[in-house]
Amino acid sequence: MSSPTPTAVRLIGRAAALPGAATQPLMGCRVRAGFPSPADDHLDVEIDLHAHVVRRPAATYFVRAEGDSMLGDGIHDGDLLVVDRSLEPLPGRVVVIAVDGEPTVKRLERRGERTFLVASNPRFAPIPLAGRECQVWGVVTHVLHALPGGEP
């Protein structure tokens, strides 16, 4: 069994929309994740995925997750994270933060007067932030990952 790998991040780039970016079709019905039901056979509208996940382009960037410390939040190794620098890093939010110069992604948590970074994988201990140099790089708003067999 391999040892747990902390989830780090690798910057991909800013979230600027490309001029003339294509929209993708959006079905006019929702699909059930349980018992199947007949689906509508028409498309309702088109959706621009970028516009859907990027609310504030000037403050948003993409970053790749590395490691398995955030599996409980659905963040897998290699996932693309959408990060908004304009959102306040409140307790309970998942943040991208540099601790002593090392970037990571964790959930921000307050316990009494102390602040911690908490992994969503129980194999990782909380990281106390007292006395450490910390710089919040933003709040994770969306996670994009491919399902097994979904990549070419």
C-alpha atoms as a PDB file:
ATOM      1  CA  MET A   1       0.000   0.000   0.000  1.00  0.00           C
ATOM      2  CA  SER A   2       1.400   3.392  -0.939  1.00  0.00           C
ATOM      3  CA  SER A   3       1.782   6.193   1.565  1.00  0.00           C
ATOM      4  CA  PRO A   4      -0.676   9.070   1.354  1.00  0.00           C
ATOM      5  CA  THR A   5       0.269  11.944  -0.907  1.00  0.00           C
ATOM      6  CA  PRO A   6      -0.580  15.472   0.228  1.00  0.00           C
ATOM      7  CA  THR A   7      -2.575  17.401  -2.325  1.00  0.00           C
ATOM      8  CA  ALA A   8      -0.501  20.174  -3.855  1.00  0.00           C
ATOM      9  CA  VAL A   9      -1.347  22.414  -6.781  1.00  0.00           C
ATOM     10  CA  ARG A  10       0.237  23.273 -10.118  1.00  0.00           C
ATOM     11  CA  LEU A  11      -0.782  26.595 -11.704  1.00  0.00           C
ATOM     12  CA  ILE A  12      -2.322  26.243 -15.160  1.00  0.00           C
ATOM     13  CA  GLY A  13      -3.302  29.803 -16.091  1.00  0.00           C
ATOM     14  CA  ARG A  14      -5.786  32.644 -15.912  1.00  0.00           C
ATOM     15  CA  ALA A  15      -9.429  32.075 -16.654  1.00  0.00           C
ATOM     16  CA  ALA A  16      -9.777  34.504 -19.531  1.00  0.00           C
ATOM     17  CA  ALA A  17     -12.420  33.465 -22.025  1.00  0.00           C
ATOM     18  CA  LEU A  18     -11.199  32.924 -25.544  1.00  0.00           C
ATOM     19  CA  PRO A  19     -12.677  35.236 -28.186  1.00  0.00           C
ATOM     20  CA  GLY A  20     -15.307  33.345 -30.135  1.00  0.00           C
ATOM     21  CA  ALA A  21     -15.283  30.436 -27.664  1.00  0.00           C
ATOM     22  CA  ALA A  22     -17.818  27.804 -28.654  1.00  0.00           C
ATOM     23  CA  THR A  23     -20.777  26.936 -26.496  1.00  0.00           C
ATOM     24  CA  GLN A  24     -21.865  23.367 -25.911  1.00  0.00           C
ATOM     25  CA  PRO A  25     -25.432  22.022 -25.950  1.00  0.00           C
ATOM     26  CA  LEU A  26     -27.265  21.674 -22.628  1.00  0.00           C
ATOM     27  CA  MET A  27     -30.124  19.182 -22.346  1.00  0.00           C
ATOM     28  CA  GLY A  28     -33.444  20.601 -21.251  1.00  0.00           C
ATOM     29  CA  CYS A  29     -33.876  17.934 -18.600  1.00  0.00           C
ATOM     30  CA  ARG A  30     -31.842  16.700 -15.677  1.00  0.00           C
ATOM     31  CA  VAL A  31     -30.551  13.135 -15.600  1.00  0.00           C
ATOM     32  CA  ARG A  32     -31.151  10.938 -12.602  1.00  0.00           C
ATOM     33  CA  ALA A  33     -28.236   9.275 -10.885  1.00  0.00           C
ATOM     34  CA  GLY A  34     -30.571   6.621  -9.512  1.00  0.00           C
ATOM     35  CA  PHE A  35     -33.388   4.815 -11.332  1.00  0.00           C
ATOM     36  CA  PRO A  36     -33.351   5.736 -15.035  1.00  0.00           C
ATOM     37  CA  SER A  37     -36.214   7.731 -16.486  1.00  0.00           C
ATOM     38  CA  PRO A  38     -37.009   8.676 -20.104  1.00  0.00           C
ATOM     39  CA  ALA A  39     -35.066  11.748 -21.174  1.00  0.00           C
ATOM     40  CA  ASP A  40     -36.324  14.601 -23.291  1.00  0.00           C
ATOM     41  CA  ASP A  41     -35.097  14.159 -26.828  1.00  0.00           C
ATOM     42  CA  HIS A  42     -34.365  17.817 -27.411  1.00  0.00           C
ATOM     43  CA  LEU A  43     -31.783  20.307 -26.277  1.00  0.00           C
ATOM     44  CA  ASP A  44     -33.013  23.288 -24.297  1.00  0.00           C
ATOM     45  CA  VAL A  45     -30.225  25.853 -24.611  1.00  0.00           C
ATOM     46  CA  GLU A  46     -26.536  26.044 -25.225  1.00  0.00           C
ATOM     47  CA  ILE A  47     -24.125  26.475 -22.348  1.00  0.00           C
ATOM     48  CA  ASP A  48     -20.695  28.048 -22.257  1.00  0.00           C
ATOM     49  CA  LEU A  49     -18.885  25.948 -19.662  1.00  0.00           C
ATOM     50  CA  HIS A  50     -16.398  28.754 -19.038  1.00  0.00           C
ATOM     51  CA  ALA A  51     -19.205  31.212 -18.262  1.00  0.00           C
ATOM     52  CA  HIS A  52     -20.805  28.600 -15.994  1.00  0.00           C
ATOM     53  CA  VAL A  53     -17.743  28.014 -13.791  1.00  0.00           C
ATOM     54  CA  VAL A  54     -16.007  31.409 -14.008  1.00  0.00           C
ATOM     55  CA  ARG A  55     -18.084  34.149 -12.375  1.00  0.00           C
ATOM     56  CA  ARG A  56     -15.304  36.754 -12.090  1.00  0.00           C
ATOM     57  CA  PRO A  57     -12.759  36.212 -14.909  1.00  0.00           C
ATOM     58  CA  ALA A  58     -10.299  38.872 -13.723  1.00  0.00           C
ATOM     59  CA  ALA A  59     -10.032  37.158 -10.320  1.00  0.00           C
ATOM     60  CA  THR A  60     -10.183  33.532 -11.461  1.00  0.00           C
ATOM     61  CA  TYR A  61      -7.498  31.073 -12.488  1.00  0.00           C
ATOM     62  CA  PHE A  62      -7.139  27.334 -13.069  1.00  0.00           C
ATOM     63  CA  VAL A  63      -4.792  25.028 -11.207  1.00  0.00           C
ATOM     64  CA  ARG A  64      -4.157  21.251 -11.272  1.00  0.00           C
ATOM     65  CA  ALA A  65      -4.393  19.246  -8.047  1.00  0.00           C
ATOM     66  CA  GLU A  66      -1.678  16.750  -7.208  1.00  0.00           C
ATOM     67  CA  GLY A  67      -2.099  14.105  -4.521  1.00  0.00           C
ATOM     68  CA  ASP A  68      -4.926  12.432  -2.617  1.00  0.00           C
ATOM     69  CA  SER A  69      -5.471  14.463   0.559  1.00  0.00           C
ATOM     70  CA  MET A  70      -8.742  15.986  -0.699  1.00  0.00           C
ATOM     71  CA  LEU A  71     -10.500  12.887  -2.029  1.00  0.00           C
ATOM     72  CA  GLY A  72     -13.420  13.359   0.368  1.00  0.00           C
ATOM     73  CA  ASP A  73     -14.202  16.649  -1.369  1.00  0.00           C
ATOM     74  CA  GLY A  74     -14.058  15.017  -4.790  1.00  0.00           C
ATOM     75  CA  ILE A  75     -10.625  16.454  -5.609  1.00  0.00           C
ATOM     76  CA  HIS A  76      -8.504  13.766  -7.276  1.00  0.00           C
ATOM     77  CA  ASP A  77      -4.932  13.764  -8.490  1.00  0.00           C
ATOM     78  CA  GLY A  78      -4.818  15.647 -11.795  1.00  0.00           C
ATOM     79  CA  ASP A  79      -8.177  17.394 -11.391  1.00  0.00           C
ATOM     80  CA  LEU A  80      -8.599  20.913 -12.694  1.00  0.00           C
ATOM     81  CA  LEU A  81      -9.599  23.370  -9.956  1.00  0.00           C
ATOM     82  CA  VAL A  82     -11.310  26.683 -10.629  1.00  0.00           C
ATOM     83  CA  VAL A  83     -10.045  29.205  -8.064  1.00  0.00           C
ATOM     84  CA  ASP A  84     -11.541  32.637  -7.346  1.00  0.00           C
ATOM     85  CA  ARG A  85      -9.195  35.126  -5.649  1.00  0.00           C
ATOM     86  CA  SER A  86     -12.020  37.593  -4.962  1.00  0.00           C
ATOM     87  CA  LEU A  87     -13.867  35.322  -2.517  1.00  0.00           C
ATOM     88  CA  GLU A  88     -13.178  35.608   1.187  1.00  0.00           C
ATOM     89  CA  PRO A  89     -11.402  32.542   2.618  1.00  0.00           C
ATOM     90  CA  LEU A  90     -14.010  31.775   5.277  1.00  0.00           C
ATOM     91  CA  PRO A  91     -13.890  28.715   7.548  1.00  0.00           C
ATOM     92  CA  GLY A  92     -15.404  25.727   5.762  1.00  0.00           C
ATOM     93  CA  ARG A  93     -14.240  26.798   2.320  1.00  0.00           C
ATOM     94  CA  VAL A  94     -11.645  24.889   0.310  1.00  0.00           C
ATOM     95  CA  VAL A  95      -8.713  27.196  -0.361  1.00  0.00           C
ATOM     96  CA  VAL A  96      -5.501  27.237  -2.333  1.00  0.00           C
ATOM     97  CA  ILE A  97      -2.899  28.510   0.103  1.00  0.00           C
ATOM     98  CA  ALA A  98       0.877  28.739   0.305  1.00  0.00           C
ATOM     99  CA  VAL A  99       2.144  27.617   3.721  1.00  0.00           C
ATOM    100  CA  ASP A 100       5.785  28.477   4.299  1.00  0.00           C
ATOM    101  CA  GLY A 101       6.080  28.933   0.536  1.00  0.00           C
ATOM    102  CA  GLU A 102       4.552  25.541  -0.386  1.00  0.00           C
ATOM    103  CA  PRO A 103       1.197  25.717  -2.225  1.00  0.00           C
ATOM    104  CA  THR A 104      -1.519  23.286  -1.195  1.00  0.00           C
ATOM    105  CA  VAL A 105      -5.292  22.886  -1.333  1.00  0.00           C
ATOM    106  CA  LYS A 106      -7.184  22.194   1.917  1.00  0.00           C
ATOM    107  CA  ARG A 107     -10.341  23.138   3.793  1.00  0.00           C
ATOM    108  CA  LEU A 108      -9.938  26.121   6.120  1.00  0.00           C
ATOM    109  CA  GLU A 109     -11.188  25.423   9.648  1.00  0.00           C
ATOM    110  CA  ARG A 110     -11.369  27.361  12.922  1.00  0.00           C
ATOM    111  CA  ARG A 111     -11.195  25.547  16.257  1.00  0.00           C
ATOM    112  CA  GLY A 112     -11.671  28.073  19.009  1.00  0.00           C
ATOM    113  CA  GLU A 113      -9.059  30.736  18.412  1.00  0.00           C
ATOM    114  CA  ARG A 114      -6.867  28.523  16.199  1.00  0.00           C
ATOM    115  CA  THR A 115      -6.939  28.125  12.432  1.00  0.00           C
ATOM    116  CA  PHE A 116      -6.129  24.861  10.654  1.00  0.00           C
ATOM    117  CA  LEU A 117      -5.966  23.460   7.160  1.00  0.00           C
ATOM    118  CA  VAL A 118      -7.875  20.197   7.074  1.00  0.00           C
ATOM    119  CA  ALA A 119      -7.626  17.454   4.473  1.00  0.00           C
ATOM    120  CA  SER A 120     -10.752  15.534   3.531  1.00  0.00           C
ATOM    121  CA  ASN A 121      -8.787  12.278   3.585  1.00  0.00           C
ATOM    122  CA  PRO A 122      -8.591  10.955   7.177  1.00  0.00           C
ATOM    123  CA  ARG A 123      -5.025   9.738   6.612  1.00  0.00           C
ATOM    124  CA  PHE A 124      -3.829  13.346   6.868  1.00  0.00           C
ATOM    125  CA  ALA A 125      -3.519  15.311  10.108  1.00  0.00           C
ATOM    126  CA  PRO A 126      -4.784  18.896  10.315  1.00  0.00           C
ATOM    127  CA  ILE A 127      -2.135  21.537   9.685  1.00  0.00           C
ATOM    128  CA  PRO A 128      -2.067  24.294  12.335  1.00  0.00           C
ATOM    129  CA  LEU A 129      -1.376  27.711  10.828  1.00  0.00           C
ATOM    130  CA  ALA A 130      -0.214  29.524  13.984  1.00  0.00           C
ATOM    131  CA  GLY A 131       3.325  30.827  13.561  1.00  0.00           C
ATOM    132  CA  ARG A 132       3.552  29.900   9.890  1.00  0.00           C
ATOM    133  CA  GLU A 133       3.843  32.155   6.878  1.00  0.00           C
ATOM    134  CA  CYS A 134       0.579  31.826   4.930  1.00  0.00           C
ATOM    135  CA  GLN A 135      -0.723  33.414   1.758  1.00  0.00           C
ATOM    136  CA  VAL A 136      -4.206  32.536   0.508  1.00  0.00           C
ATOM    137  CA  TRP A 137      -4.253  32.276  -3.280  1.00  0.00           C
ATOM    138  CA  GLY A 138      -8.028  31.902  -3.558  1.00  0.00           C
ATOM    139  CA  VAL A 139     -11.136  29.830  -2.903  1.00  0.00           C
ATOM    140  CA  VAL A 140     -11.863  26.710  -4.960  1.00  0.00           C
ATOM    141  CA  THR A 141     -15.266  27.080  -6.598  1.00  0.00           C
ATOM    142  CA  HIS A 142     -15.374  24.098  -8.981  1.00  0.00           C
ATOM    143  CA  VAL A 143     -13.575  20.822  -9.600  1.00  0.00           C
ATOM    144  CA  LEU A 144     -13.387  19.252 -13.055  1.00  0.00           C
ATOM    145  CA  HIS A 145     -12.240  15.682 -13.497  1.00  0.00           C
ATOM    146  CA  ALA A 146     -12.599  12.938 -16.027  1.00  0.00           C
ATOM    147  CA  LEU A 147     -14.242   9.657 -15.096  1.00  0.00           C
ATOM    148  CA  PRO A 148     -12.378   6.404 -15.732  1.00  0.00           C
ATOM    149  CA  GLY A 149     -12.621   5.550 -19.411  1.00  0.00           C
ATOM    150  CA  GLY A 150     -13.756   9.074 -20.269  1.00  0.00           C
ATOM    151  CA  GLU A 151     -10.414  10.300 -21.556  1.00  0.00           C
ATOM    152  CA  PRO A 152      -9.239   9.446 -25.075  1.00  0.00           C
END
